[in-house]
């Protein structure tokens, strides 16, 4: 269960990072 939650957090942070890069341009 913990690994599943961690994977979701990793995907969430990766998506938010991509959005920040797109908005920064």
C-alpha atoms as a PDB file:
ATOM      1  CA  UNK A   1       0.000   0.000   0.000  1.00  0.00           C
ATOM      2  CA  UNK A   2       2.803   2.410   0.851  1.00  0.00           C
ATOM      3  CA  UNK A   3       4.580   1.749  -2.434  1.00  0.00           C
ATOM      4  CA  UNK A   4       1.300   2.395  -4.276  1.00  0.00           C
ATOM      5  CA  UNK A   5       0.838   5.751  -2.532  1.00  0.00           C
ATOM      6  CA  UNK A   6       4.472   6.695  -3.176  1.00  0.00           C
ATOM      7  CA  UNK A   7       4.070   5.918  -6.878  1.00  0.00           C
ATOM      8  CA  UNK A   8       1.002   8.177  -7.036  1.00  0.00           C
ATOM      9  CA  UNK A   9       2.945  10.974  -5.327  1.00  0.00           C
ATOM     10  CA  UNK A  10       5.818  10.548  -7.785  1.00  0.00           C
ATOM     11  CA  UNK A  11       3.447  10.830 -10.744  1.00  0.00           C
ATOM     12  CA  UNK A  12       1.694  13.824  -9.170  1.00  0.00           C
ATOM     13  CA  UNK A  13       4.926  15.709  -8.522  1.00  0.00           C
ATOM     14  CA  UNK A  14       6.253  14.876 -11.995  1.00  0.00           C
ATOM     15  CA  UNK A  15       3.067  16.247 -13.579  1.00  0.00           C
ATOM     16  CA  UNK A  16       3.125  19.406 -11.460  1.00  0.00           C
ATOM     17  CA  UNK A  17       6.805  19.914 -12.339  1.00  0.00           C
ATOM     18  CA  UNK A  18       5.972  19.653 -16.058  1.00  0.00           C
ATOM     19  CA  UNK A  19       3.142  22.174 -15.629  1.00  0.00           C
ATOM     20  CA  UNK A  20       5.474  24.594 -13.843  1.00  0.00           C
ATOM     21  CA  UNK A  21       7.980  24.298 -16.704  1.00  0.00           C
ATOM     22  CA  UNK A  22       5.259  24.909 -19.296  1.00  0.00           C
ATOM     23  CA  UNK A  23       3.917  27.939 -17.433  1.00  0.00           C
ATOM     24  CA  UNK A  24       7.457  29.255 -16.885  1.00  0.00           C
ATOM     25  CA  UNK A  25       8.049  29.400 -20.642  1.00  0.00           C
END
